[in-house]
Amino acid sequence: MAIISISRAYCSKGKLIAEKVAERLKYECISSEIILEASDTFNVTEIKLSEAMYKGPSFLEKVTRSKEIYIAYIRAALLNYMKRGNVVYHGVAGHFFLQGISHAIKARIIADFDSRVSELMAREKTTEFQAMKTLVCYDKERRRWSKSIYDIDTTDPSLYDLILNINHISIDDCVNMICHAAAFSSFQPTAESKKNLNDLSMAATAKALIINKYFDAVVSSDDGHLTVLFPKRVSNRKQVVAGIENLLKNMSGINKMDIMVEEEVTAGSLMYMANR
């Protein structure tokens, strides 16, 4: 069966729909569990990881790239989790991380602004003005986050397989449509799609393990053959290679590793790796 990622506008019932889909399909439903897993795996506080996922980077974070480092940890955790199959993820960035995985359904739940204001007022027991202010700030922050990190607008419909407007479709019908889509042949796992997810997960994990020291390294995987391209001129190539090897020595699943540094890396190879 397909794996499912549900993105939603704030206060558009996305969590409820995800839970109902998971219940219907007998899938695991996850969200903040990814933050916990990334925190445990990479020894980073949950607060820092949560802030990285929900707030656009400050000037200092752009300089230090700390937010991008934390997101690399979360990406690795999510992709590793998704390999288990039978998972519904609801939250931010799933639609970014799972691009190119054919058995991943990427759904977007939307609602008009007035409905979201009413939902937030009921949920938070707040005034209409405060609810409107909160939603405007939240939407602006989400757009800033996706543009600054991925140069992508999270509202771009091409990112999703399904876009469901709960002002026109009931909650139960949204659940029915997502569950129905999960049975489509287009979204069934194949040997190739499983391999693509495994490769993406391995590359993301390797990148997360080396990103603190080798931020600009470009990592890809092909059936356990890991390739690391380091496109910066360095004074001691052997030291860089040894450093990367040391950081990855305990990572499981690697059966071969190639590390390319400075002049070994061509513009063509960088473009190829970046698109994998």
C-alpha atoms as a PDB file:
ATOM      1  CA  MET A   1       0.000   0.000   0.000  1.00  0.00           C
ATOM      2  CA  ALA A   2       0.948   3.641  -0.443  1.00  0.00           C
ATOM      3  CA  ILE A   3       2.558   5.791   2.201  1.00  0.00           C
ATOM      4  CA  ILE A   4       0.705   9.035   2.823  1.00  0.00           C
ATOM      5  CA  SER A   5       1.834  12.552   3.678  1.00  0.00           C
ATOM      6  CA  ILE A   6      -0.855  15.073   4.562  1.00  0.00           C
ATOM      7  CA  SER A   7       0.013  18.754   4.502  1.00  0.00           C
ATOM      8  CA  ARG A   8      -2.551  21.240   5.696  1.00  0.00           C
ATOM      9  CA  ALA A   9      -3.250  24.892   6.150  1.00  0.00           C
ATOM     10  CA  TYR A  10      -3.362  25.752   9.848  1.00  0.00           C
ATOM     11  CA  CYS A  11      -6.823  25.056  11.322  1.00  0.00           C
ATOM     12  CA  SER A  12      -8.075  23.093   8.312  1.00  0.00           C
ATOM     13  CA  LYS A  13      -8.772  19.755  10.052  1.00  0.00           C
ATOM     14  CA  GLY A  14      -5.680  18.075   8.587  1.00  0.00           C
ATOM     15  CA  LYS A  15      -4.818  16.262  11.812  1.00  0.00           C
ATOM     16  CA  LEU A  16      -8.337  14.868  12.136  1.00  0.00           C
ATOM     17  CA  ILE A  17      -8.359  13.699   8.516  1.00  0.00           C
ATOM     18  CA  ALA A  18      -4.942  12.051   8.924  1.00  0.00           C
ATOM     19  CA  GLU A  19      -6.101  10.193  12.033  1.00  0.00           C
ATOM     20  CA  LYS A  20      -9.276   8.976  10.310  1.00  0.00           C
ATOM     21  CA  VAL A  21      -7.315   7.835   7.227  1.00  0.00           C
ATOM     22  CA  ALA A  22      -4.862   5.930   9.413  1.00  0.00           C
ATOM     23  CA  GLU A  23      -7.687   4.331  11.357  1.00  0.00           C
ATOM     24  CA  ARG A  24      -9.483   3.271   8.176  1.00  0.00           C
ATOM     25  CA  LEU A  25      -6.356   1.813   6.560  1.00  0.00           C
ATOM     26  CA  LYS A  26      -4.976   0.441   9.836  1.00  0.00           C
ATOM     27  CA  TYR A  27      -1.865   2.543   9.296  1.00  0.00           C
ATOM     28  CA  GLU A  28       0.343   4.199  11.881  1.00  0.00           C
ATOM     29  CA  CYS A  29      -0.351   7.939  12.200  1.00  0.00           C
ATOM     30  CA  ILE A  30       2.680  10.093  13.015  1.00  0.00           C
ATOM     31  CA  SER A  31       3.632  13.744  13.303  1.00  0.00           C
ATOM     32  CA  SER A  32       5.714  14.949  16.282  1.00  0.00           C
ATOM     33  CA  GLU A  33       7.178  11.426  16.535  1.00  0.00           C
ATOM     34  CA  ILE A  34       9.588  12.452  13.770  1.00  0.00           C
ATOM     35  CA  ILE A  35      10.930  15.284  15.922  1.00  0.00           C
ATOM     36  CA  LEU A  36      11.442  12.846  18.801  1.00  0.00           C
ATOM     37  CA  GLU A  37      13.230  10.354  16.575  1.00  0.00           C
ATOM     38  CA  ALA A  38      15.514  12.998  15.086  1.00  0.00           C
ATOM     39  CA  SER A  39      16.239  14.322  18.583  1.00  0.00           C
ATOM     40  CA  ASP A  40      17.236  10.871  19.827  1.00  0.00           C
ATOM     41  CA  THR A  41      19.254   9.950  16.742  1.00  0.00           C
ATOM     42  CA  PHE A  42      21.221  13.165  16.338  1.00  0.00           C
ATOM     43  CA  ASN A  43      21.309  14.354  19.963  1.00  0.00           C
ATOM     44  CA  VAL A  44      19.569  17.682  19.381  1.00  0.00           C
ATOM     45  CA  THR A  45      16.875  19.156  21.613  1.00  0.00           C
ATOM     46  CA  GLU A  46      13.273  18.839  20.473  1.00  0.00           C
ATOM     47  CA  ILE A  47      12.815  22.613  20.875  1.00  0.00           C
ATOM     48  CA  LYS A  48      15.555  23.425  18.368  1.00  0.00           C
ATOM     49  CA  LEU A  49      14.195  20.897  15.875  1.00  0.00           C
ATOM     50  CA  SER A  50      10.622  22.162  16.241  1.00  0.00           C
ATOM     51  CA  GLU A  51      11.724  25.755  15.723  1.00  0.00           C
ATOM     52  CA  ALA A  52      13.644  24.704  12.622  1.00  0.00           C
ATOM     53  CA  MET A  53      10.477  23.190  11.143  1.00  0.00           C
ATOM     54  CA  TYR A  54       8.020  25.934  12.033  1.00  0.00           C
ATOM     55  CA  LYS A  55       9.928  29.196  11.797  1.00  0.00           C
ATOM     56  CA  GLY A  56      11.821  30.794   8.942  1.00  0.00           C
ATOM     57  CA  PRO A  57      15.556  31.276   9.537  1.00  0.00           C
ATOM     58  CA  SER A  58      16.829  34.417  11.232  1.00  0.00           C
ATOM     59  CA  PHE A  59      19.793  36.341   9.824  1.00  0.00           C
ATOM     60  CA  LEU A  60      22.155  34.522  12.214  1.00  0.00           C
ATOM     61  CA  GLU A  61      20.691  31.144  11.263  1.00  0.00           C
ATOM     62  CA  LYS A  62      21.222  31.954   7.581  1.00  0.00           C
ATOM     63  CA  VAL A  63      24.860  32.714   8.313  1.00  0.00           C
ATOM     64  CA  THR A  64      25.449  29.650  10.501  1.00  0.00           C
ATOM     65  CA  ARG A  65      23.059  27.449   8.495  1.00  0.00           C
ATOM     66  CA  SER A  66      21.962  25.889  11.791  1.00  0.00           C
ATOM     67  CA  LYS A  67      18.330  25.637  10.728  1.00  0.00           C
ATOM     68  CA  GLU A  68      19.241  23.761   7.545  1.00  0.00           C
ATOM     69  CA  ILE A  69      21.322  21.367   9.632  1.00  0.00           C
ATOM     70  CA  TYR A  70      18.379  20.629  11.917  1.00  0.00           C
ATOM     71  CA  ILE A  71      16.089  20.108   8.920  1.00  0.00           C
ATOM     72  CA  ALA A  72      18.585  17.609   7.486  1.00  0.00           C
ATOM     73  CA  TYR A  73      18.211  15.628  10.724  1.00  0.00           C
ATOM     74  CA  ILE A  74      14.421  15.671  10.463  1.00  0.00           C
ATOM     75  CA  ARG A  75      14.484  14.717   6.783  1.00  0.00           C
ATOM     76  CA  ALA A  76      16.649  11.685   7.542  1.00  0.00           C
ATOM     77  CA  ALA A  77      14.365  10.646  10.414  1.00  0.00           C
ATOM     78  CA  LEU A  78      11.208  10.973   8.311  1.00  0.00           C
ATOM     79  CA  LEU A  79      12.556   9.053   5.336  1.00  0.00           C
ATOM     80  CA  ASN A  80      13.822   6.270   7.576  1.00  0.00           C
ATOM     81  CA  TYR A  81      10.408   6.086   9.236  1.00  0.00           C
ATOM     82  CA  MET A  82       8.591   5.992   5.911  1.00  0.00           C
ATOM     83  CA  LYS A  83      10.562   2.925   4.827  1.00  0.00           C
ATOM     84  CA  ARG A  84       8.494   0.902   7.305  1.00  0.00           C
ATOM     85  CA  GLY A  85       5.413   1.428   5.144  1.00  0.00           C
ATOM     86  CA  ASN A  86       1.776   1.688   6.244  1.00  0.00           C
ATOM     87  CA  VAL A  87       2.326   5.201   7.589  1.00  0.00           C
ATOM     88  CA  VAL A  88       0.289   8.404   7.478  1.00  0.00           C
ATOM     89  CA  TYR A  89       2.389  11.478   8.264  1.00  0.00           C
ATOM     90  CA  HIS A  90       0.689  14.795   8.940  1.00  0.00           C
ATOM     91  CA  GLY A  91       2.795  17.877   9.349  1.00  0.00           C
ATOM     92  CA  VAL A  92       5.145  20.173   7.503  1.00  0.00           C
ATOM     93  CA  ALA A  93       7.716  19.279   4.840  1.00  0.00           C
ATOM     94  CA  GLY A  94       6.579  15.729   4.046  1.00  0.00           C
ATOM     95  CA  HIS A  95       5.590  16.871   0.566  1.00  0.00           C
ATOM     96  CA  PHE A  96       9.130  18.235   0.075  1.00  0.00           C
ATOM     97  CA  PHE A  97      10.981  15.219   1.437  1.00  0.00           C
ATOM     98  CA  LEU A  98       8.949  12.611  -0.502  1.00  0.00           C
ATOM     99  CA  GLN A  99       9.144  14.176  -3.951  1.00  0.00           C
ATOM    100  CA  GLY A 100      10.050  11.517  -6.520  1.00  0.00           C
ATOM    101  CA  ILE A 101       8.689   8.577  -4.494  1.00  0.00           C
ATOM    102  CA  SER A 102       5.891   7.177  -6.656  1.00  0.00           C
ATOM    103  CA  HIS A 103       4.132   5.210  -3.898  1.00  0.00           C
ATOM    104  CA  ALA A 104       3.870   8.290  -1.650  1.00  0.00           C
ATOM    105  CA  ILE A 105       0.532  10.117  -1.787  1.00  0.00           C
ATOM    106  CA  LYS A 106       1.060  13.798  -1.069  1.00  0.00           C
ATOM    107  CA  ALA A 107      -2.244  15.370  -0.059  1.00  0.00           C
ATOM    108  CA  ARG A 108      -2.986  18.983   0.826  1.00  0.00           C
ATOM    109  CA  ILE A 109      -5.991  19.983   2.962  1.00  0.00           C
ATOM    110  CA  ILE A 110      -7.181  23.566   2.575  1.00  0.00           C
ATOM    111  CA  ALA A 111     -10.032  25.737   3.836  1.00  0.00           C
ATOM    112  CA  ASP A 112     -11.065  29.334   3.281  1.00  0.00           C
ATOM    113  CA  PHE A 113      -9.710  31.972   5.645  1.00  0.00           C
ATOM    114  CA  ASP A 114     -13.009  32.687   7.411  1.00  0.00           C
ATOM    115  CA  SER A 115     -13.524  29.012   8.249  1.00  0.00           C
ATOM    116  CA  ARG A 116     -10.025  28.784   9.632  1.00  0.00           C
ATOM    117  CA  VAL A 117     -10.624  31.898  11.752  1.00  0.00           C
ATOM    118  CA  SER A 118     -13.780  30.340  13.197  1.00  0.00           C
ATOM    119  CA  GLU A 119     -11.928  27.094  13.894  1.00  0.00           C
ATOM    120  CA  LEU A 120      -9.101  28.891  15.690  1.00  0.00           C
ATOM    121  CA  MET A 121     -11.531  31.018  17.724  1.00  0.00           C
ATOM    122  CA  ALA A 122     -13.322  27.881  18.911  1.00  0.00           C
ATOM    123  CA  ARG A 123     -10.104  26.020  19.583  1.00  0.00           C
ATOM    124  CA  GLU A 124      -8.229  28.757  21.418  1.00  0.00           C
ATOM    125  CA  LYS A 125     -11.211  30.646  22.895  1.00  0.00           C
ATOM    126  CA  THR A 126      -9.839  33.815  21.387  1.00  0.00           C
ATOM    127  CA  THR A 127     -11.237  36.897  19.633  1.00  0.00           C
ATOM    128  CA  GLU A 128     -11.831  37.150  15.898  1.00  0.00           C
ATOM    129  CA  PHE A 129      -9.147  39.828  15.568  1.00  0.00           C
ATOM    130  CA  GLN A 130      -6.553  37.748  17.406  1.00  0.00           C
ATOM    131  CA  ALA A 131      -7.423  34.653  15.387  1.00  0.00           C
ATOM    132  CA  MET A 132      -7.066  36.576  12.118  1.00  0.00           C
ATOM    133  CA  LYS A 133      -3.746  38.031  13.228  1.00  0.00           C
ATOM    134  CA  THR A 134      -2.449  34.582  14.239  1.00  0.00           C
ATOM    135  CA  LEU A 135      -3.406  32.985  10.918  1.00  0.00           C
ATOM    136  CA  VAL A 136      -1.928  35.791   8.823  1.00  0.00           C
ATOM    137  CA  CYS A 137       1.353  35.519  10.740  1.00  0.00           C
ATOM    138  CA  TYR A 138       1.368  31.726  10.505  1.00  0.00           C
ATOM    139  CA  ASP A 139       0.709  31.651   6.755  1.00  0.00           C
ATOM    140  CA  LYS A 140       3.379  34.275   6.145  1.00  0.00           C
ATOM    141  CA  GLU A 141       5.888  32.312   8.233  1.00  0.00           C
ATOM    142  CA  ARG A 142       5.154  29.059   6.365  1.00  0.00           C
ATOM    143  CA  ARG A 143       5.711  30.728   2.995  1.00  0.00           C
ATOM    144  CA  ARG A 144       8.923  32.349   4.239  1.00  0.00           C
ATOM    145  CA  TRP A 145      10.146  29.006   5.598  1.00  0.00           C
ATOM    146  CA  SER A 146       9.591  27.092   2.365  1.00  0.00           C
ATOM    147  CA  LYS A 147      11.044  29.850   0.189  1.00  0.00           C
ATOM    148  CA  SER A 148      14.132  30.352   2.345  1.00  0.00           C
ATOM    149  CA  ILE A 149      14.913  26.651   2.801  1.00  0.00           C
ATOM    150  CA  TYR A 150      13.764  25.113  -0.491  1.00  0.00           C
ATOM    151  CA  ASP A 151      12.970  28.113  -2.707  1.00  0.00           C
ATOM    152  CA  ILE A 152       9.505  26.558  -3.118  1.00  0.00           C
ATOM    153  CA  ASP A 153       6.067  27.952  -2.346  1.00  0.00           C
ATOM    154  CA  THR A 154       4.262  25.456  -0.114  1.00  0.00           C
ATOM    155  CA  THR A 155       0.963  26.424  -1.791  1.00  0.00           C
ATOM    156  CA  ASP A 156       2.252  25.347  -5.238  1.00  0.00           C
ATOM    157  CA  PRO A 157      -0.290  22.718  -6.411  1.00  0.00           C
ATOM    158  CA  SER A 158       2.354  20.805  -8.391  1.00  0.00           C
ATOM    159  CA  LEU A 159       3.801  19.573  -5.075  1.00  0.00           C
ATOM    160  CA  TYR A 160       0.695  17.493  -4.344  1.00  0.00           C
ATOM    161  CA  ASP A 161      -1.239  14.552  -5.753  1.00  0.00           C
ATOM    162  CA  LEU A 162      -4.494  15.602  -4.088  1.00  0.00           C
ATOM    163  CA  ILE A 163      -5.748  19.008  -2.940  1.00  0.00           C
ATOM    164  CA  LEU A 164      -8.950  18.814  -0.903  1.00  0.00           C
ATOM    165  CA  ASN A 165     -10.972  21.848   0.156  1.00  0.00           C
ATOM    166  CA  ILE A 166     -13.014  21.067   3.268  1.00  0.00           C
ATOM    167  CA  ASN A 167     -15.346  23.970   2.495  1.00  0.00           C
ATOM    168  CA  HIS A 168     -16.606  21.938  -0.460  1.00  0.00           C
ATOM    169  CA  ILE A 169     -15.879  18.368   0.631  1.00  0.00           C
ATOM    170  CA  SER A 170     -16.868  16.863   3.972  1.00  0.00           C
ATOM    171  CA  ILE A 171     -14.294  15.415   6.344  1.00  0.00           C
ATOM    172  CA  ASP A 172     -15.579  11.890   5.696  1.00  0.00           C
ATOM    173  CA  ASP A 173     -15.449  12.408   1.932  1.00  0.00           C
ATOM    174  CA  CYS A 174     -11.850  13.667   2.225  1.00  0.00           C
ATOM    175  CA  VAL A 175     -10.998  10.502   4.132  1.00  0.00           C
ATOM    176  CA  ASN A 176     -12.773   8.364   1.531  1.00  0.00           C
ATOM    177  CA  MET A 177     -10.920  10.022  -1.339  1.00  0.00           C
ATOM    178  CA  ILE A 178      -7.486   9.594   0.232  1.00  0.00           C
ATOM    179  CA  CYS A 179      -8.186   5.972   1.175  1.00  0.00           C
ATOM    180  CA  HIS A 180      -9.538   5.297  -2.312  1.00  0.00           C
ATOM    181  CA  ALA A 181      -6.417   6.819  -3.870  1.00  0.00           C
ATOM    182  CA  ALA A 182      -4.247   4.611  -1.658  1.00  0.00           C
ATOM    183  CA  ALA A 183      -5.605   1.596  -3.547  1.00  0.00           C
ATOM    184  CA  PHE A 184      -4.776   3.008  -6.997  1.00  0.00           C
ATOM    185  CA  SER A 185      -2.190   1.024  -8.937  1.00  0.00           C
ATOM    186  CA  SER A 186      -0.284   4.289  -9.487  1.00  0.00           C
ATOM    187  CA  PHE A 187       0.481   4.479  -5.768  1.00  0.00           C
ATOM    188  CA  GLN A 188       1.409   0.863  -5.113  1.00  0.00           C
ATOM    189  CA  PRO A 189       5.017   0.181  -4.076  1.00  0.00           C
ATOM    190  CA  THR A 190       7.181  -1.334  -6.764  1.00  0.00           C
ATOM    191  CA  ALA A 191      10.705  -2.693  -6.586  1.00  0.00           C
ATOM    192  CA  GLU A 192      11.897   0.541  -8.180  1.00  0.00           C
ATOM    193  CA  SER A 193       9.927   2.873  -5.874  1.00  0.00           C
ATOM    194  CA  LYS A 194      11.123   0.988  -2.782  1.00  0.00           C
ATOM    195  CA  LYS A 195      14.690   1.242  -4.035  1.00  0.00           C
ATOM    196  CA  ASN A 196      14.242   4.974  -4.634  1.00  0.00           C
ATOM    197  CA  LEU A 197      13.002   5.469  -1.075  1.00  0.00           C
ATOM    198  CA  ASN A 198      15.839   3.359   0.356  1.00  0.00           C
ATOM    199  CA  ASP A 199      18.389   5.311  -1.682  1.00  0.00           C
ATOM    200  CA  LEU A 200      16.879   8.638  -0.644  1.00  0.00           C
ATOM    201  CA  SER A 201      16.827   7.580   2.998  1.00  0.00           C
ATOM    202  CA  MET A 202      20.441   6.364   2.978  1.00  0.00           C
ATOM    203  CA  ALA A 203      21.684   9.532   1.300  1.00  0.00           C
ATOM    204  CA  ALA A 204      19.715  11.700   3.744  1.00  0.00           C
ATOM    205  CA  THR A 205      21.107   9.798   6.736  1.00  0.00           C
ATOM    206  CA  ALA A 206      24.676  10.073   5.477  1.00  0.00           C
ATOM    207  CA  LYS A 207      24.215  13.786   4.781  1.00  0.00           C
ATOM    208  CA  ALA A 208      22.830  14.307   8.298  1.00  0.00           C
ATOM    209  CA  LEU A 209      25.828  12.540   9.830  1.00  0.00           C
ATOM    210  CA  ILE A 210      28.395  14.717   8.053  1.00  0.00           C
ATOM    211  CA  ILE A 211      26.517  18.016   7.630  1.00  0.00           C
ATOM    212  CA  ASN A 212      27.952  19.735  10.704  1.00  0.00           C
ATOM    213  CA  LYS A 213      31.499  19.452   9.388  1.00  0.00           C
ATOM    214  CA  TYR A 214      30.920  19.117   5.641  1.00  0.00           C
ATOM    215  CA  PHE A 215      27.821  21.208   4.956  1.00  0.00           C
ATOM    216  CA  ASP A 216      28.385  21.574   1.217  1.00  0.00           C
ATOM    217  CA  ALA A 217      28.889  17.879   0.525  1.00  0.00           C
ATOM    218  CA  VAL A 218      26.386  16.399  -1.935  1.00  0.00           C
ATOM    219  CA  VAL A 219      25.416  12.821  -1.104  1.00  0.00           C
ATOM    220  CA  SER A 220      23.629  10.157  -3.133  1.00  0.00           C
ATOM    221  CA  SER A 221      23.079   6.423  -2.845  1.00  0.00           C
ATOM    222  CA  ASP A 222      22.473   3.614  -5.288  1.00  0.00           C
ATOM    223  CA  ASP A 223      21.761   0.226  -3.700  1.00  0.00           C
ATOM    224  CA  GLY A 224      24.198   0.823  -0.854  1.00  0.00           C
ATOM    225  CA  HIS A 225      26.806   2.474  -3.078  1.00  0.00           C
ATOM    226  CA  LEU A 226      27.259   5.848  -1.399  1.00  0.00           C
ATOM    227  CA  THR A 227      28.798   8.743  -3.291  1.00  0.00           C
ATOM    228  CA  VAL A 228      29.921  11.917  -1.519  1.00  0.00           C
ATOM    229  CA  LEU A 229      30.912  14.912  -3.630  1.00  0.00           C
ATOM    230  CA  PHE A 230      32.803  17.650  -1.811  1.00  0.00           C
ATOM    231  CA  PRO A 231      32.990  20.623  -4.194  1.00  0.00           C
ATOM    232  CA  LYS A 232      35.423  22.814  -2.274  1.00  0.00           C
ATOM    233  CA  ARG A 233      39.135  23.160  -2.689  1.00  0.00           C
ATOM    234  CA  VAL A 234      40.892  21.869   0.406  1.00  0.00           C
ATOM    235  CA  SER A 235      44.512  21.927   1.537  1.00  0.00           C
ATOM    236  CA  ASN A 236      44.506  18.299   2.689  1.00  0.00           C
ATOM    237  CA  ARG A 237      42.381  15.950   0.599  1.00  0.00           C
ATOM    238  CA  LYS A 238      43.353  12.876   2.597  1.00  0.00           C
ATOM    239  CA  GLN A 239      42.244  14.512   5.831  1.00  0.00           C
ATOM    240  CA  VAL A 240      38.829  15.402   4.366  1.00  0.00           C
ATOM    241  CA  VAL A 241      38.305  11.889   3.010  1.00  0.00           C
ATOM    242  CA  ALA A 242      39.380  10.350   6.311  1.00  0.00           C
ATOM    243  CA  GLY A 243      37.063  12.722   8.200  1.00  0.00           C
ATOM    244  CA  ILE A 244      34.037  11.761   6.103  1.00  0.00           C
ATOM    245  CA  GLU A 245      34.878   8.066   6.357  1.00  0.00           C
ATOM    246  CA  ASN A 246      35.174   8.344  10.123  1.00  0.00           C
ATOM    247  CA  LEU A 247      31.785  10.031  10.461  1.00  0.00           C
ATOM    248  CA  LEU A 248      30.126   7.336   8.348  1.00  0.00           C
ATOM    249  CA  LYS A 249      32.001   4.290   9.625  1.00  0.00           C
ATOM    250  CA  ASN A 250      29.167   3.096  11.873  1.00  0.00           C
ATOM    251  CA  MET A 251      26.368   3.697   9.384  1.00  0.00           C
ATOM    252  CA  SER A 252      24.690   0.465   8.327  1.00  0.00           C
ATOM    253  CA  GLY A 253      23.840  -0.481   4.755  1.00  0.00           C
ATOM    254  CA  ILE A 254      26.902   0.960   3.020  1.00  0.00           C
ATOM    255  CA  ASN A 255      28.615  -1.634   0.824  1.00  0.00           C
ATOM    256  CA  LYS A 256      30.741   0.796  -1.167  1.00  0.00           C
ATOM    257  CA  MET A 257      31.656   4.453  -0.754  1.00  0.00           C
ATOM    258  CA  ASP A 258      33.238   6.916  -3.169  1.00  0.00           C
ATOM    259  CA  ILE A 259      34.403  10.313  -1.897  1.00  0.00           C
ATOM    260  CA  MET A 260      35.296  12.928  -4.484  1.00  0.00           C
ATOM    261  CA  VAL A 261      36.966  16.210  -3.562  1.00  0.00           C
ATOM    262  CA  GLU A 262      37.610  19.535  -5.341  1.00  0.00           C
ATOM    263  CA  GLU A 263      38.935  19.075  -8.904  1.00  0.00           C
ATOM    264  CA  GLU A 264      37.484  15.542  -9.120  1.00  0.00           C
ATOM    265  CA  VAL A 265      34.022  17.092  -9.006  1.00  0.00           C
ATOM    266  CA  THR A 266      32.681  18.476 -12.283  1.00  0.00           C
ATOM    267  CA  ALA A 267      29.725  20.815 -12.721  1.00  0.00           C
ATOM    268  CA  GLY A 268      27.892  18.024 -14.533  1.00  0.00           C
ATOM    269  CA  SER A 269      28.326  15.539 -11.702  1.00  0.00           C
ATOM    270  CA  LEU A 270      27.122  18.103  -9.151  1.00  0.00           C
ATOM    271  CA  MET A 271      23.984  18.802 -11.177  1.00  0.00           C
ATOM    272  CA  TYR A 272      23.317  15.056 -11.521  1.00  0.00           C
ATOM    273  CA  MET A 273      23.749  14.434  -7.791  1.00  0.00           C
ATOM    274  CA  ALA A 274      21.649  17.433  -6.772  1.00  0.00           C
ATOM    275  CA  ASN A 275      18.721  16.144  -8.811  1.00  0.00           C
ATOM    276  CA  ARG A 276      18.741  12.654  -7.278  1.00  0.00           C
END
